[in-house]
PDB file of N, CA and C in Angstrom:
ATOM      1  N   MET A   1     108.452 103.120  96.430  1.00  0.00           N
ATOM      2  CA  MET A   1     107.288 103.726  95.847  1.00  0.00           C
ATOM      3  C   MET A   1     106.070 102.984  96.379  1.00  0.00           C
ATOM      4  N   LYS A   2     105.114 103.729  96.877  1.00  0.00           N
ATOM      5  CA  LYS A   2     103.893 103.145  97.411  1.00  0.00           C
ATOM      6  C   LYS A   2     102.768 103.357  96.409  1.00  0.00           C
ATOM      7  N   LYS A   3     102.091 102.261  96.065  1.00  0.00           N
ATOM      8  CA  LYS A   3     100.964 102.331  95.127  1.00  0.00           C
ATOM      9  C   LYS A   3      99.807 101.492  95.647  1.00  0.00           C
ATOM     10  N   THR A   4      98.605 101.889  95.253  1.00  0.00           N
ATOM     11  CA  THR A   4      97.398 101.171  95.644  1.00  0.00           C
ATOM     12  C   THR A   4      96.678 100.694  94.389  1.00  0.00           C
ATOM     13  N   TYR A   5      96.239  99.440  94.435  1.00  0.00           N
ATOM     14  CA  TYR A   5      95.548  98.818  93.308  1.00  0.00           C
ATOM     15  C   TYR A   5      94.216  98.235  93.768  1.00  0.00           C
ATOM     16  N   VAL A   6      93.274  98.199  92.856  1.00  0.00           N
ATOM     17  CA  VAL A   6      91.978  97.580  93.119  1.00  0.00           C
ATOM     18  C   VAL A   6      92.107  96.077  92.910  1.00  0.00           C
ATOM     19  N   LEU A   7      91.508  95.311  93.815  1.00  0.00           N
ATOM     20  CA  LEU A   7      91.457  93.857  93.679  1.00  0.00           C
ATOM     21  C   LEU A   7      90.078  93.481  93.165  1.00  0.00           C
ATOM     22  N   ASP A   8      90.047  92.719  92.125  1.00  0.00           N
ATOM     23  CA  ASP A   8      88.784  92.265  91.544  1.00  0.00           C
ATOM     24  C   ASP A   8      88.614  90.783  91.851  1.00  0.00           C
ATOM     25  N   GLU A   9      87.500  90.435  92.463  1.00  0.00           N
ATOM     26  CA  GLU A   9      87.153  89.039  92.745  1.00  0.00           C
ATOM     27  C   GLU A   9      87.932  88.410  93.894  1.00  0.00           C
ATOM     28  N   ILE A  10      88.233  89.165  94.939  1.00  0.00           N
ATOM     29  CA  ILE A  10      88.779  88.548  96.151  1.00  0.00           C
ATOM     30  C   ILE A  10      87.565  88.203  97.017  1.00  0.00           C
ATOM     31  N   ASP A  11      87.383  86.919  97.309  1.00  0.00           N
ATOM     32  CA  ASP A  11      86.119  86.438  97.857  1.00  0.00           C
ATOM     33  C   ASP A  11      85.998  86.422  99.373  1.00  0.00           C
ATOM     34  N   CYS A  12      87.103  86.294 100.081  1.00  0.00           N
ATOM     35  CA  CYS A  12      86.971  86.198 101.539  1.00  0.00           C
ATOM     36  C   CYS A  12      88.170  86.841 102.233  1.00  0.00           C
ATOM     37  N   ALA A  13      87.961  87.195 103.498  1.00  0.00           N
ATOM     38  CA  ALA A  13      89.008  87.842 104.281  1.00  0.00           C
ATOM     39  C   ALA A  13      90.201  86.912 104.486  1.00  0.00           C
ATOM     40  N   ASN A  14      89.953  85.625 104.624  1.00  0.00           N
ATOM     41  CA  ASN A  14      91.041  84.663 104.787  1.00  0.00           C
ATOM     42  C   ASN A  14      91.929  84.628 103.544  1.00  0.00           C
ATOM     43  N   CYS A  15      91.312  84.655 102.374  1.00  0.00           N
ATOM     44  CA  CYS A  15      92.067  84.676 101.112  1.00  0.00           C
ATOM     45  C   CYS A  15      92.897  85.957 101.013  1.00  0.00           C
ATOM     46  N   ALA A  16      92.311  87.064 101.422  1.00  0.00           N
ATOM     47  CA  ALA A  16      93.022  88.343 101.391  1.00  0.00           C
ATOM     48  C   ALA A  16      94.224  88.308 102.327  1.00  0.00           C
ATOM     49  N   SER A  17      94.053  87.728 103.495  1.00  0.00           N
ATOM     50  CA  SER A  17      95.145  87.622 104.457  1.00  0.00           C
ATOM     51  C   SER A  17      96.270  86.736 103.930  1.00  0.00           C
ATOM     52  N   LYS A  18      95.895  85.624 103.341  1.00  0.00           N
ATOM     53  CA  LYS A  18      96.881  84.700 102.760  1.00  0.00           C
ATOM     54  C   LYS A  18      97.677  85.398 101.655  1.00  0.00           C
ATOM     55  N   LEU A  19      96.990  86.148 100.822  1.00  0.00           N
ATOM     56  CA  LEU A  19      97.628  86.870  99.732  1.00  0.00           C
ATOM     57  C   LEU A  19      98.544  87.981 100.268  1.00  0.00           C
ATOM     58  N   GLU A  20      98.079  88.710 101.258  1.00  0.00           N
ATOM     59  CA  GLU A  20      98.873  89.772 101.866  1.00  0.00           C
ATOM     60  C   GLU A  20     100.175  89.219 102.451  1.00  0.00           C
ATOM     61  N   ASN A  21     100.091  88.114 103.152  1.00  0.00           N
ATOM     62  CA  ASN A  21     101.283  87.498 103.750  1.00  0.00           C
ATOM     63  C   ASN A  21     102.283  87.063 102.684  1.00  0.00           C
ATOM     64  N   ALA A  22     101.790  86.462 101.617  1.00  0.00           N
ATOM     65  CA  ALA A  22     102.680  85.990 100.547  1.00  0.00           C
ATOM     66  C   ALA A  22     103.345  87.155  99.828  1.00  0.00           C
ATOM     67  N   ILE A  23     102.592  88.201  99.539  1.00  0.00           N
ATOM     68  CA  ILE A  23     103.150  89.363  98.840  1.00  0.00           C
ATOM     69  C   ILE A  23     104.184  90.062  99.722  1.00  0.00           C
ATOM     70  N   SER A  24     103.928  90.122 101.014  1.00  0.00           N
ATOM     71  CA  SER A  24     104.858  90.770 101.950  1.00  0.00           C
ATOM     72  C   SER A  24     106.221  90.094 101.974  1.00  0.00           C
ATOM     73  N   LYS A  25     106.261  88.805 101.664  1.00  0.00           N
ATOM     74  CA  LYS A  25     107.512  88.036 101.716  1.00  0.00           C
ATOM     75  C   LYS A  25     108.342  88.115 100.430  1.00  0.00           C
ATOM     76  N   ILE A  26     107.795  88.725  99.389  1.00  0.00           N
ATOM     77  CA  ILE A  26     108.510  88.830  98.119  1.00  0.00           C
ATOM     78  C   ILE A  26     109.684  89.790  98.272  1.00  0.00           C
ATOM     79  N   ASP A  27     110.844  89.374  97.775  1.00  0.00           N
ATOM     80  CA  ASP A  27     112.045  90.207  97.833  1.00  0.00           C
ATOM     81  C   ASP A  27     111.798  91.509  97.068  1.00  0.00           C
ATOM     82  N   GLY A  28     112.046  92.628  97.722  1.00  0.00           N
ATOM     83  CA  GLY A  28     111.841  93.936  97.107  1.00  0.00           C
ATOM     84  C   GLY A  28     110.579  94.624  97.582  1.00  0.00           C
ATOM     85  N   VAL A  29     109.667  93.869  98.218  1.00  0.00           N
ATOM     86  CA  VAL A  29     108.453  94.461  98.772  1.00  0.00           C
ATOM     87  C   VAL A  29     108.765  94.908 100.199  1.00  0.00           C
ATOM     88  N   ASN A  30     108.670  96.211 100.427  1.00  0.00           N
ATOM     89  CA  ASN A  30     108.914  96.749 101.769  1.00  0.00           C
ATOM     90  C   ASN A  30     107.724  96.491 102.680  1.00  0.00           C
ATOM     91  N   SER A  31     106.519  96.631 102.132  1.00  0.00           N
ATOM     92  CA  SER A  31     105.305  96.343 102.889  1.00  0.00           C
ATOM     93  C   SER A  31     104.164  96.102 101.916  1.00  0.00           C
ATOM     94  N   ALA A  32     103.183  95.349 102.389  1.00  0.00           N
ATOM     95  CA  ALA A  32     101.979  95.083 101.599  1.00  0.00           C
ATOM     96  C   ALA A  32     100.805  94.981 102.554  1.00  0.00           C
ATOM     97  N   SER A  33      99.680  95.554 102.169  1.00  0.00           N
ATOM     98  CA  SER A  33      98.477  95.417 102.980  1.00  0.00           C
ATOM     99  C   SER A  33      97.272  95.350 102.051  1.00  0.00           C
ATOM    100  N   ILE A  34      96.326  94.526 102.469  1.00  0.00           N
ATOM    101  CA  ILE A  34      95.087  94.383 101.714  1.00  0.00           C
ATOM    102  C   ILE A  34      93.936  94.785 102.619  1.00  0.00           C
ATOM    103  N   ASN A  35      93.091  95.675 102.118  1.00  0.00           N
ATOM    104  CA  ASN A  35      91.858  96.032 102.796  1.00  0.00           C
ATOM    105  C   ASN A  35      90.758  95.247 102.100  1.00  0.00           C
ATOM    106  N   PHE A  36      90.311  94.185 102.757  1.00  0.00           N
ATOM    107  CA  PHE A  36      89.326  93.294 102.139  1.00  0.00           C
ATOM    108  C   PHE A  36      88.023  94.029 101.822  1.00  0.00           C
ATOM    109  N   PHE A  37      87.551  94.851 102.743  1.00  0.00           N
ATOM    110  CA  PHE A  37      86.269  95.528 102.546  1.00  0.00           C
ATOM    111  C   PHE A  37      86.327  96.556 101.427  1.00  0.00           C
ATOM    112  N   ALA A  38      87.458  97.230 101.280  1.00  0.00           N
ATOM    113  CA  ALA A  38      87.619  98.209 100.198  1.00  0.00           C
ATOM    114  C   ALA A  38      88.095  97.551  98.911  1.00  0.00           C
ATOM    115  N   GLN A  39      88.519  96.254  99.012  1.00  0.00           N
ATOM    116  CA  GLN A  39      89.022  95.517  97.855  1.00  0.00           C
ATOM    117  C   GLN A  39      90.239  96.210  97.243  1.00  0.00           C
ATOM    118  N   LYS A  40      91.204  96.596  98.122  1.00  0.00           N
ATOM    119  CA  LYS A  40      92.397  97.305  97.657  1.00  0.00           C
ATOM    120  C   LYS A  40      93.665  96.696  98.226  1.00  0.00           C
ATOM    121  N   LEU A  41      94.691  96.702  97.398  1.00  0.00           N
ATOM    122  CA  LEU A  41      96.032  96.258  97.766  1.00  0.00           C
ATOM    123  C   LEU A  41      96.949  97.473  97.728  1.00  0.00           C
ATOM    124  N   THR A  42      97.674  97.698  98.811  1.00  0.00           N
ATOM    125  CA  THR A  42      98.677  98.759  98.849  1.00  0.00           C
ATOM    126  C   THR A  42     100.036  98.106  99.033  1.00  0.00           C
ATOM    127  N   VAL A  43     100.950  98.407  98.122  1.00  0.00           N
ATOM    128  CA  VAL A  43     102.303  97.857  98.194  1.00  0.00           C
ATOM    129  C   VAL A  43     103.316  98.987  98.190  1.00  0.00           C
ATOM    130  N   ASP A  44     104.377  98.768  98.942  1.00  0.00           N
ATOM    131  CA  ASP A  44     105.516  99.686  98.944  1.00  0.00           C
ATOM    132  C   ASP A  44     106.705  98.885  98.439  1.00  0.00           C
ATOM    133  N   ILE A  45     107.203  99.284  97.272  1.00  0.00           N
ATOM    134  CA  ILE A  45     108.256  98.539  96.570  1.00  0.00           C
ATOM    135  C   ILE A  45     109.408  99.486  96.263  1.00  0.00           C
ATOM    136  N   ASP A  46     110.627  98.961  96.339  1.00  0.00           N
ATOM    137  CA  ASP A  46     111.812  99.750  95.979  1.00  0.00           C
ATOM    138  C   ASP A  46     111.634 100.343  94.579  1.00  0.00           C
ATOM    139  N   ASP A  47     111.876 101.655  94.458  1.00  0.00           N
ATOM    140  CA  ASP A  47     111.680 102.361  93.185  1.00  0.00           C
ATOM    141  C   ASP A  47     112.464 101.747  92.029  1.00  0.00           C
ATOM    142  N   LYS A  48     113.723 101.429  92.267  1.00  0.00           N
ATOM    143  CA  LYS A  48     114.595 100.961  91.188  1.00  0.00           C
ATOM    144  C   LYS A  48     114.191  99.593  90.656  1.00  0.00           C
ATOM    145  N   ARG A  49     113.510  98.816  91.455  1.00  0.00           N
ATOM    146  CA  ARG A  49     113.137  97.447  91.065  1.00  0.00           C
ATOM    147  C   ARG A  49     111.626  97.293  90.890  1.00  0.00           C
ATOM    148  N   PHE A  50     110.896  98.398  90.851  1.00  0.00           N
ATOM    149  CA  PHE A  50     109.445  98.343  90.912  1.00  0.00           C
ATOM    150  C   PHE A  50     108.828  97.399  89.878  1.00  0.00           C
ATOM    151  N   ASP A  51     109.182  97.551  88.610  1.00  0.00           N
ATOM    152  CA  ASP A  51     108.546  96.750  87.552  1.00  0.00           C
ATOM    153  C   ASP A  51     108.807  95.255  87.733  1.00  0.00           C
ATOM    154  N   ASP A  52     110.030  94.884  88.037  1.00  0.00           N
ATOM    155  CA  ASP A  52     110.356  93.463  88.218  1.00  0.00           C
ATOM    156  C   ASP A  52     109.657  92.874  89.433  1.00  0.00           C
ATOM    157  N   VAL A  53     109.661  93.621  90.531  1.00  0.00           N
ATOM    158  CA  VAL A  53     109.012  93.128  91.749  1.00  0.00           C
ATOM    159  C   VAL A  53     107.507  93.030  91.537  1.00  0.00           C
ATOM    160  N   MET A  54     106.932  94.006  90.847  1.00  0.00           N
ATOM    161  CA  MET A  54     105.483  93.973  90.607  1.00  0.00           C
ATOM    162  C   MET A  54     105.095  92.768  89.758  1.00  0.00           C
ATOM    163  N   LYS A  55     105.949  92.358  88.844  1.00  0.00           N
ATOM    164  CA  LYS A  55     105.684  91.140  88.069  1.00  0.00           C
ATOM    165  C   LYS A  55     105.589  89.938  88.994  1.00  0.00           C
ATOM    166  N   ASN A  56     106.473  89.873  89.997  1.00  0.00           N
ATOM    167  CA  ASN A  56     106.423  88.782  90.974  1.00  0.00           C
ATOM    168  C   ASN A  56     105.165  88.856  91.829  1.00  0.00           C
ATOM    169  N   VAL A  57     104.737  90.073  92.162  1.00  0.00           N
ATOM    170  CA  VAL A  57     103.493  90.250  92.924  1.00  0.00           C
ATOM    171  C   VAL A  57     102.313  89.699  92.125  1.00  0.00           C
ATOM    172  N   LEU A  58     102.248  90.059  90.846  1.00  0.00           N
ATOM    173  CA  LEU A  58     101.152  89.581  89.994  1.00  0.00           C
ATOM    174  C   LEU A  58     101.178  88.063  89.848  1.00  0.00           C
ATOM    175  N   LYS A  59     102.367  87.498  89.681  1.00  0.00           N
ATOM    176  CA  LYS A  59     102.521  86.054  89.543  1.00  0.00           C
ATOM    177  C   LYS A  59     102.079  85.338  90.824  1.00  0.00           C
ATOM    178  N   THR A  60     102.481  85.868  91.960  1.00  0.00           N
ATOM    179  CA  THR A  60     102.114  85.279  93.250  1.00  0.00           C
ATOM    180  C   THR A  60     100.607  85.347  93.468  1.00  0.00           C
ATOM    181  N   ALA A  61     100.018  86.481  93.148  1.00  0.00           N
ATOM    182  CA  ALA A  61      98.565  86.634  93.306  1.00  0.00           C
ATOM    183  C   ALA A  61      97.820  85.633  92.424  1.00  0.00           C
ATOM    184  N   LYS A  62      98.273  85.469  91.204  1.00  0.00           N
ATOM    185  CA  LYS A  62      97.618  84.541  90.267  1.00  0.00           C
ATOM    186  C   LYS A  62      97.741  83.097  90.757  1.00  0.00           C
ATOM    187  N   LYS A  63      98.894  82.777  91.328  1.00  0.00           N
ATOM    188  CA  LYS A  63      99.130  81.419  91.816  1.00  0.00           C
ATOM    189  C   LYS A  63      98.241  81.098  93.023  1.00  0.00           C
ATOM    190  N   LEU A  64      98.156  82.027  93.971  1.00  0.00           N
ATOM    191  CA  LEU A  64      97.386  81.781  95.189  1.00  0.00           C
ATOM    192  C   LEU A  64      95.886  81.950  95.011  1.00  0.00           C
ATOM    193  N   GLU A  65      95.492  82.941  94.242  1.00  0.00           N
ATOM    194  CA  GLU A  65      94.076  83.241  94.029  1.00  0.00           C
ATOM    195  C   GLU A  65      93.820  83.447  92.532  1.00  0.00           C
ATOM    196  N   PRO A  66      93.658  82.357  91.791  1.00  0.00           N
ATOM    197  CA  PRO A  66      93.534  82.465  90.328  1.00  0.00           C
ATOM    198  C   PRO A  66      92.382  83.346  89.835  1.00  0.00           C
ATOM    199  N   ASP A  67      91.321  83.458  90.615  1.00  0.00           N
ATOM    200  CA  ASP A  67      90.173  84.271  90.192  1.00  0.00           C
ATOM    201  C   ASP A  67      90.348  85.754  90.499  1.00  0.00           C
ATOM    202  N   CYS A  68      91.270  86.066  91.385  1.00  0.00           N
ATOM    203  CA  CYS A  68      91.483  87.459  91.795  1.00  0.00           C
ATOM    204  C   CYS A  68      92.405  88.151  90.798  1.00  0.00           C
ATOM    205  N   LYS A  69      92.042  89.368  90.440  1.00  0.00           N
ATOM    206  CA  LYS A  69      92.855  90.160  89.521  1.00  0.00           C
ATOM    207  C   LYS A  69      93.256  91.455  90.195  1.00  0.00           C
ATOM    208  N   ILE A  70      94.503  91.842  90.008  1.00  0.00           N
ATOM    209  CA  ILE A  70      94.968  93.132  90.470  1.00  0.00           C
ATOM    210  C   ILE A  70      94.812  94.092  89.285  1.00  0.00           C
ATOM    211  N   VAL A  71      93.929  95.056  89.443  1.00  0.00           N
ATOM    212  CA  VAL A  71      93.633  96.005  88.362  1.00  0.00           C
ATOM    213  C   VAL A  71      94.727  97.060  88.343  1.00  0.00           C
ATOM    214  N   MET A  72      95.486  97.061  87.241  1.00  0.00           N
ATOM    215  CA  MET A  72      96.625  97.980  87.126  1.00  0.00           C
ATOM    216  C   MET A  72      96.185  99.334  86.622  1.00  0.00           C
TER     217      MET A  72
END
């Protein structure tokens, strides 16, 4: 399932790249991309595991960029 979320408070392109790389490595994430200028995160996650994997995505984002919020 592919979904797009708004990112609130992502401050720089380097931070967005770091976050994109970390999210892409999470088990269950097929792909992840961040458009820094649009402030959007697009993730493709296995349908059957979506909720559990998304929890890991949120946890990873909070750990790497504490000020950035993924608007659900």
